[in-house]
Amino acid sequence: MGHSVEDIARLVGGEALGDPAVPVTGANGLAEAGPGDLCFVRGEKYYPLLRECRAAAVLVPEPVADAAPVQICVARPEEAFLRALALFDRGEAARPAPGVHPGAHVSPEARLGDGVAVGPGAVVEAGAVLGDGVVLFPGAYVGADCRVGDGTVVHPNAVLREETTVGRGCIIHAGACLGSDGFGFVPMDGAWHKVPQVGRVEIGDGVEIGSNTAVDRATFGVTRIGRGTKIDNLVQIGHNVEIGEHCVVAGMAGIAGSAKIGNQVRIGASAGIAGHITIGDGASIGGRSGVTRSVPPGATVSGFPATDHEAQKRIMVGQMRLPGLMRRINQLEARLKALEESES
C-alpha cells in the first residue's frame, strides 16, 4: 500500500517542497533508494548525492538546491524516517483479522478481550486470558492459565507455556518459547534426575523477544523480564533469571540460572553470563564476553574472563606482541648460552 508525500509530511510534522501527491511505496537507504522509495539525509555532507538520487522523496533538515526527489523538510530527518517506516511494515499488513479463525482452537474456558485476532492453527488453552487487541499469528500457542496483555502480538509458532504472564504491547517473534522447563537435574545413583520446574515466567509491558529465544520457567518462584527490555534472536535465559527494565540483549547471548540483571544493561552478542551473579544498573557487557563474577553498576566489561574493557584492550595489545617478544627472548637466551659457553 502506498502513501503520498503529503501523508508522510503530515505524519512526521514536516513541510513538503514539491508535488505533495507523489506516491511513496517503500523506504530505503540513500544509496539504494529507487523509484517509489523514501530516504533521508543527516546533513550537508550528503547533499551532493541528492542530485542523482532516484528516490520519490527525501527527508531533509533544510531545503537542498538541485535535489532530484521531492523534499520533506523536518528538524530531525533520521527520527522522522524511523517514524515513517511503520507505514511500510509488511508484518502489520499480514496480521490476522480480528476474530477467531475457523482453523484455530480456543478453549471455551479461555477469555478473549475486544478485537482479539486468532489466526489459523493457533491454540488458546483453558483459563488463558487475552487482553484487548491481542494478535495471535498462525500456529501460536497460549497455554493454560496464561495472561497476555492488551495489544501484544504473538508471531507464528511462538509458544507461551502454562501460567506465563506477558504484559501489554509486547512482541513475541516466531519460534520463541516462554515458560519451557528450566535446566534442573540432580545426580543420584549414577544418573541425572529431573527437578520439577514449578515456577513461572513474567514478562513486563513493552518487551520484545526475538525468534527462537527461550525464557525458562523458574524452578520455583518467577523468571522475570522487566518493562521495555528488548531481546534478540537465539538468546537463552535460564530459570529464575531476573532482567530489569529497558535492557538490550543481543543475539546468541546466554544468561544462566538465577543471574540478576539490573536496569538499562546492554549485553553484546554471544556473551555468556554465569549463574547466581549480579550485573549492576547501566552496565555494558561486550560481545562474546564470559562474565564469571558480578559487575558493578555502570561498568563496561569484555573478554574472558570479563574484566574492565580498557584493561582488556591493553591485554589484547599485549597478546598481539607475544610472538615478537618470544622471538626476542629466544635470541637473548641463545646469546646468553653462547657467552656462557665462551667463558667456560
Protein backbone atom coordinates (compact mmCIF):
# COMPACT_ATOMS: atom_id res chain seq x y z
CA MET A 1 0.00 0.00 0.00
CA GLY A 2 1.38 3.39 -0.99
CA HIS A 3 1.20 6.78 0.67
CA SER A 4 1.61 10.27 -0.72
CA VAL A 5 4.37 12.72 0.15
CA GLU A 6 1.66 14.77 1.83
CA ASP A 7 0.69 11.80 4.05
CA ILE A 8 4.29 11.36 5.17
CA ALA A 9 4.85 15.08 5.76
CA ARG A 10 1.74 15.16 7.94
CA LEU A 11 2.87 12.08 9.90
CA VAL A 12 6.34 13.45 10.69
CA GLY A 13 5.33 17.10 11.11
CA GLY A 14 7.36 18.23 8.09
CA GLU A 15 6.83 20.52 5.10
CA ALA A 16 6.66 19.13 1.56
CA LEU A 17 8.68 21.01 -1.08
CA GLY A 18 7.43 19.83 -4.46
CA ASP A 19 4.45 17.79 -5.59
CA PRO A 20 2.68 16.55 -2.43
CA ALA A 21 0.76 13.94 -4.42
CA VAL A 22 3.84 11.92 -5.42
CA PRO A 23 3.26 8.31 -4.29
CA VAL A 24 5.70 6.62 -1.91
CA THR A 25 5.55 2.83 -1.71
CA GLY A 26 8.61 1.89 0.33
CA ALA A 27 11.73 3.05 2.16
CA ASN A 28 15.45 2.53 1.62
CA GLY A 29 18.89 3.95 2.30
CA LEU A 30 20.10 6.94 0.33
CA ALA A 31 22.45 4.95 -1.92
CA GLU A 32 19.97 2.15 -2.60
CA ALA A 33 16.74 4.17 -2.93
CA GLY A 34 14.84 3.78 -6.18
CA PRO A 35 11.56 4.98 -7.68
CA GLY A 36 8.80 4.99 -5.09
CA ASP A 37 11.19 4.95 -2.11
CA LEU A 38 11.54 7.33 0.81
CA CYS A 39 15.04 8.06 2.15
CA PHE A 40 16.73 10.67 4.37
CA VAL A 41 19.94 12.67 4.74
CA ARG A 42 21.56 13.65 8.04
CA GLY A 43 23.37 16.77 6.86
CA GLU A 44 25.01 18.74 4.08
CA LYS A 45 27.81 16.20 3.63
CA TYR A 46 25.27 14.09 1.72
CA TYR A 47 23.53 16.87 -0.22
CA PRO A 48 25.53 16.32 -3.46
CA LEU A 49 24.18 12.76 -3.62
CA LEU A 50 20.62 14.09 -3.92
CA ARG A 51 21.26 15.35 -7.46
CA GLU A 52 21.43 11.76 -8.72
CA CYS A 53 19.10 10.17 -6.17
CA ARG A 54 16.23 8.22 -7.76
CA ALA A 55 14.00 8.17 -4.67
CA ALA A 56 10.47 9.53 -4.76
CA ALA A 57 11.01 11.64 -1.64
CA VAL A 58 13.76 12.54 0.80
CA LEU A 59 13.62 13.81 4.37
CA VAL A 60 16.00 16.76 4.79
CA PRO A 61 16.81 19.15 7.66
CA GLU A 62 16.64 22.16 5.29
CA PRO A 63 15.84 22.85 1.61
CA VAL A 64 18.52 21.49 -0.72
CA ALA A 65 19.14 23.06 -4.13
CA ASP A 66 19.04 20.79 -7.19
CA ALA A 67 17.74 17.76 -5.28
CA ALA A 68 16.04 15.29 -7.59
CA PRO A 69 13.44 13.82 -5.20
CA VAL A 70 10.58 15.73 -3.62
CA GLN A 71 11.84 17.08 -0.29
CA ILE A 72 10.19 16.91 3.10
CA CYS A 73 11.81 19.39 5.49
CA VAL A 74 11.83 18.25 9.10
CA ALA A 75 14.06 19.10 12.08
CA ARG A 76 15.34 15.55 12.68
CA PRO A 77 15.27 13.58 9.42
CA GLU A 78 16.54 10.30 10.88
CA GLU A 79 13.92 10.25 13.63
CA ALA A 80 11.25 11.17 11.09
CA PHE A 81 12.40 8.34 8.81
CA LEU A 82 12.08 5.83 11.64
CA ARG A 83 8.52 7.00 12.28
CA ALA A 84 7.64 6.77 8.60
CA LEU A 85 8.96 3.19 8.36
CA ALA A 86 5.85 1.99 10.18
CA LEU A 87 3.82 2.87 7.08
CA PHE A 88 5.66 0.21 5.09
CA ASP A 89 5.79 -2.58 7.67
CA ARG A 90 4.64 -5.69 5.81
CA GLY A 91 4.28 -7.55 9.07
CA GLU A 92 1.48 -5.20 10.03
CA ALA A 93 -0.31 -5.89 6.75
CA ALA A 94 -0.04 -9.66 7.36
CA ARG A 95 -1.81 -9.59 10.72
CA PRO A 96 -4.82 -11.87 11.05
CA ALA A 97 -8.14 -10.07 11.01
CA PRO A 98 -9.93 -9.61 14.35
CA GLY A 99 -11.90 -12.68 15.33
CA VAL A 100 -11.16 -16.38 15.72
CA HIS A 101 -10.24 -18.22 12.54
CA PRO A 102 -12.23 -21.45 11.98
CA GLY A 103 -8.95 -23.35 11.93
CA ALA A 104 -7.92 -22.14 15.39
CA HIS A 105 -8.65 -23.89 18.69
CA VAL A 106 -9.82 -21.67 21.55
CA SER A 107 -10.95 -23.37 24.75
CA PRO A 108 -14.43 -22.35 25.89
CA GLU A 109 -12.82 -21.68 29.26
CA ALA A 110 -10.47 -19.03 27.81
CA ARG A 111 -11.36 -15.33 27.96
CA LEU A 112 -10.77 -13.06 24.97
CA GLY A 113 -10.91 -9.27 25.07
CA ASP A 114 -12.28 -6.94 22.41
CA GLY A 115 -10.71 -7.01 18.96
CA VAL A 116 -8.60 -10.12 19.56
CA ALA A 117 -7.30 -11.83 16.39
CA VAL A 118 -6.57 -15.57 16.46
CA GLY A 119 -5.08 -16.93 13.25
CA PRO A 120 -5.41 -20.41 11.73
CA GLY A 121 -3.78 -23.18 13.71
CA ALA A 122 -3.35 -21.04 16.81
CA VAL A 123 -4.26 -22.63 20.16
CA VAL A 124 -5.57 -20.96 23.32
CA GLU A 125 -5.93 -23.33 26.26
CA ALA A 126 -8.34 -23.30 29.21
CA GLY A 127 -8.02 -20.46 31.69
CA ALA A 128 -5.96 -18.26 29.38
CA VAL A 129 -6.86 -14.56 29.29
CA LEU A 130 -6.12 -12.44 26.20
CA GLY A 131 -6.43 -8.67 26.59
CA ASP A 132 -7.98 -6.27 24.10
CA GLY A 133 -6.37 -6.23 20.66
CA VAL A 134 -4.09 -9.22 21.21
CA VAL A 135 -2.93 -10.81 17.94
CA LEU A 136 -2.03 -14.50 17.62
CA PHE A 137 -0.48 -15.34 14.27
CA PRO A 138 -0.95 -18.82 12.74
CA GLY A 139 0.42 -21.61 14.88
CA ALA A 140 0.89 -19.55 18.03
CA TYR A 141 0.28 -21.45 21.28
CA VAL A 142 -1.02 -19.93 24.52
CA GLY A 143 -1.06 -22.45 27.35
CA ALA A 144 -3.42 -22.93 30.25
CA ASP A 145 -3.84 -20.00 32.66
CA CYS A 146 -1.59 -17.66 30.67
CA ARG A 147 -2.22 -13.90 30.81
CA VAL A 148 -1.50 -11.79 27.71
CA GLY A 149 -1.82 -8.00 28.00
CA ASP A 150 -3.60 -5.59 25.68
CA GLY A 151 -2.11 -5.11 22.23
CA THR A 152 0.51 -7.83 22.48
CA VAL A 153 1.44 -9.64 19.25
CA VAL A 154 2.49 -13.31 19.23
CA HIS A 155 4.03 -14.35 15.92
CA PRO A 156 3.82 -17.74 14.15
CA ASN A 157 4.76 -20.83 16.15
CA ALA A 158 5.72 -18.91 19.26
CA VAL A 159 4.86 -20.75 22.48
CA LEU A 160 3.64 -19.42 25.81
CA ARG A 161 3.68 -22.33 28.22
CA GLU A 162 1.20 -22.63 31.07
CA GLU A 163 0.88 -19.78 33.61
CA THR A 164 3.14 -17.44 31.65
CA THR A 165 2.26 -13.75 32.01
CA VAL A 166 3.02 -11.31 29.20
CA GLY A 167 2.41 -7.58 29.64
CA ARG A 168 0.83 -5.01 27.35
CA GLY A 169 2.24 -4.01 23.99
CA CYS A 170 4.77 -6.83 23.77
CA ILE A 171 6.05 -8.52 20.60
CA ILE A 172 6.90 -12.22 20.73
CA HIS A 173 8.60 -13.26 17.49
CA ALA A 174 8.30 -16.53 15.60
CA GLY A 175 9.53 -19.64 17.36
CA ALA A 176 10.19 -18.04 20.75
CA CYS A 177 9.34 -20.20 23.76
CA LEU A 178 8.38 -18.65 27.10
CA GLY A 179 7.99 -20.94 30.08
CA SER A 180 9.75 -24.10 28.97
CA ASP A 181 11.31 -26.14 31.79
CA GLY A 182 14.44 -24.79 33.41
CA PHE A 183 17.59 -26.90 33.12
CA GLY A 184 17.40 -28.56 36.51
CA PHE A 185 18.83 -32.01 37.24
CA VAL A 186 20.47 -33.65 40.25
CA PRO A 187 22.83 -36.66 40.23
CA MET A 188 21.52 -39.66 42.15
CA ASP A 189 22.55 -43.30 41.91
CA GLY A 190 24.76 -42.67 38.92
CA ALA A 191 22.08 -40.95 36.84
CA TRP A 192 20.66 -37.46 36.33
CA HIS A 193 17.19 -36.96 37.79
CA LYS A 194 14.93 -34.14 36.66
CA VAL A 195 13.96 -31.46 39.17
CA PRO A 196 10.32 -30.47 38.58
CA GLN A 197 10.14 -26.86 37.40
CA VAL A 198 7.06 -25.49 39.13
CA GLY A 199 7.68 -21.75 38.79
CA ARG A 200 6.55 -19.43 36.01
CA VAL A 201 7.60 -16.58 33.69
CA GLU A 202 6.56 -12.91 33.90
CA ILE A 203 7.20 -10.51 31.01
CA GLY A 204 6.68 -6.77 31.59
CA ASP A 205 4.99 -4.22 29.32
CA GLY A 206 6.63 -3.25 26.03
CA VAL A 207 9.06 -6.17 25.91
CA GLU A 208 10.19 -7.57 22.55
CA ILE A 209 11.53 -11.13 22.34
CA GLY A 210 13.28 -12.36 19.20
CA SER A 211 12.81 -15.50 17.15
CA ASN A 212 13.82 -18.82 18.73
CA THR A 213 14.69 -17.24 22.05
CA ALA A 214 13.94 -19.35 25.12
CA VAL A 215 12.92 -17.98 28.51
CA ASP A 216 12.81 -20.86 31.00
CA ARG A 217 10.28 -21.03 33.79
CA ALA A 218 11.59 -20.77 37.33
CA THR A 219 12.33 -23.87 39.35
CA PHE A 220 10.07 -22.20 41.88
CA GLY A 221 9.13 -18.54 42.01
CA VAL A 222 9.48 -16.39 38.89
CA THR A 223 11.75 -15.82 35.90
CA ARG A 224 11.17 -12.13 35.22
CA ILE A 225 11.90 -9.72 32.34
CA GLY A 226 11.28 -6.06 33.10
CA ARG A 227 9.37 -3.39 31.23
CA GLY A 228 10.75 -2.16 27.91
CA THR A 229 13.53 -4.73 27.59
CA LYS A 230 14.44 -5.87 24.05
CA ILE A 231 15.86 -9.35 23.45
CA ASP A 232 17.31 -10.51 20.12
CA ASN A 233 17.04 -13.89 18.39
CA LEU A 234 18.51 -17.13 19.76
CA VAL A 235 19.01 -15.92 23.32
CA GLN A 236 18.88 -18.38 26.24
CA ILE A 237 17.52 -17.09 29.54
CA GLY A 238 17.74 -19.64 32.33
CA HIS A 239 15.42 -20.41 35.22
CA ASN A 240 14.93 -17.77 37.91
CA VAL A 241 16.83 -15.11 35.96
CA GLU A 242 15.68 -11.55 36.65
CA ILE A 243 16.27 -8.91 33.96
CA GLY A 244 15.46 -5.30 34.77
CA GLU A 245 13.81 -2.55 32.75
CA HIS A 246 14.92 -1.22 29.36
CA CYS A 247 17.79 -3.65 28.86
CA VAL A 248 19.00 -4.85 25.46
CA VAL A 249 20.33 -8.37 24.89
CA ALA A 250 21.90 -9.19 21.51
CA GLY A 251 21.65 -12.49 19.65
CA MET A 252 23.06 -15.77 20.97
CA ALA A 253 23.74 -14.41 24.44
CA GLY A 254 23.17 -16.82 27.31
CA ILE A 255 22.18 -15.95 30.87
CA ALA A 256 22.49 -18.79 33.36
CA GLY A 257 20.05 -19.54 36.13
CA SER A 258 19.39 -17.09 38.97
CA ALA A 259 21.53 -14.30 37.49
CA LYS A 260 20.23 -10.81 38.33
CA ILE A 261 20.47 -8.17 35.59
CA GLY A 262 19.79 -4.54 36.57
CA ASN A 263 18.07 -1.78 34.61
CA GLN A 264 19.42 -0.27 31.37
CA VAL A 265 22.01 -3.04 30.94
CA ARG A 266 23.47 -3.80 27.50
CA ILE A 267 24.59 -7.34 26.71
CA GLY A 268 26.50 -7.95 23.47
CA ALA A 269 26.10 -10.83 21.04
CA SER A 270 27.24 -14.29 22.18
CA ALA A 271 28.07 -13.07 25.68
CA GLY A 272 27.73 -15.61 28.47
CA ILE A 273 26.58 -14.63 31.97
CA ALA A 274 27.27 -17.11 34.77
CA GLY A 275 24.53 -18.06 37.19
CA HIS A 276 23.94 -16.52 40.60
CA ILE A 277 25.79 -13.26 39.84
CA THR A 278 24.56 -9.66 39.59
CA ILE A 279 25.02 -7.19 36.73
CA GLY A 280 24.53 -3.65 38.04
CA ASP A 281 22.33 -0.94 36.53
CA GLY A 282 23.71 0.65 33.37
CA ALA A 283 26.50 -1.89 32.88
CA SER A 284 27.64 -2.92 29.39
CA ILE A 285 28.84 -6.42 28.50
CA GLY A 286 30.94 -6.72 25.34
CA GLY A 287 30.13 -9.27 22.66
CA ARG A 288 31.49 -12.80 23.25
CA SER A 289 32.42 -11.93 26.82
CA GLY A 290 32.38 -14.57 29.52
CA VAL A 291 31.13 -12.96 32.74
CA THR A 292 32.04 -15.14 35.71
CA ARG A 293 31.57 -12.70 38.58
CA SER A 294 29.31 -9.77 39.43
CA VAL A 295 29.69 -6.49 37.53
CA PRO A 296 29.21 -3.15 39.34
CA PRO A 297 26.73 -0.52 38.12
CA GLY A 298 27.89 1.49 35.10
CA ALA A 299 30.90 -0.70 34.35
CA THR A 300 31.89 -1.81 30.85
CA VAL A 301 33.50 -5.24 30.66
CA SER A 302 34.69 -7.55 27.89
CA GLY A 303 36.78 -10.64 27.22
CA PHE A 304 37.11 -13.90 29.11
CA PRO A 305 37.06 -13.82 31.97
CA ALA A 306 35.33 -10.47 31.57
CA THR A 307 37.30 -7.56 33.00
CA ASP A 308 37.29 -3.78 32.66
CA HIS A 309 37.09 -3.02 28.95
CA GLU A 310 40.05 -0.61 28.90
CA ALA A 311 42.21 -3.14 30.73
CA GLN A 312 41.04 -5.84 28.34
CA LYS A 313 42.14 -3.76 25.35
CA ARG A 314 45.62 -3.45 26.85
CA ILE A 315 45.68 -7.22 27.43
CA MET A 316 44.75 -7.81 23.79
CA VAL A 317 47.53 -5.49 22.60
CA GLY A 318 49.97 -7.36 24.86
CA GLN A 319 48.85 -10.69 23.42
CA MET A 320 49.49 -9.45 19.89
CA ARG A 321 53.05 -8.60 20.90
CA LEU A 322 53.77 -12.01 22.40
CA PRO A 323 55.19 -13.67 19.23
CA GLY A 324 57.74 -10.87 18.82
CA LEU A 325 58.61 -10.97 22.50
CA MET A 326 59.10 -14.74 22.32
CA ARG A 327 61.49 -14.35 19.38
CA ARG A 328 63.50 -11.75 21.30
CA ILE A 329 63.62 -13.97 24.38
CA ASN A 330 64.81 -16.92 22.28
CA GLN A 331 67.52 -14.73 20.71
CA LEU A 332 68.62 -13.43 24.11
CA GLU A 333 68.73 -16.96 25.54
CA ALA A 334 70.85 -18.10 22.59
CA ARG A 335 73.28 -15.18 23.07
CA LEU A 336 73.44 -15.83 26.81
CA LYS A 337 74.17 -19.50 26.20
CA ALA A 338 76.92 -18.60 23.73
CA LEU A 339 78.51 -16.22 26.26
CA GLU A 340 78.37 -18.86 28.99
CA GLU A 341 79.99 -21.43 26.68
CA SER A 342 82.74 -18.99 25.65
CA GLU A 343 83.62 -18.30 29.28
CA SER A 344 83.72 -21.95 30.30
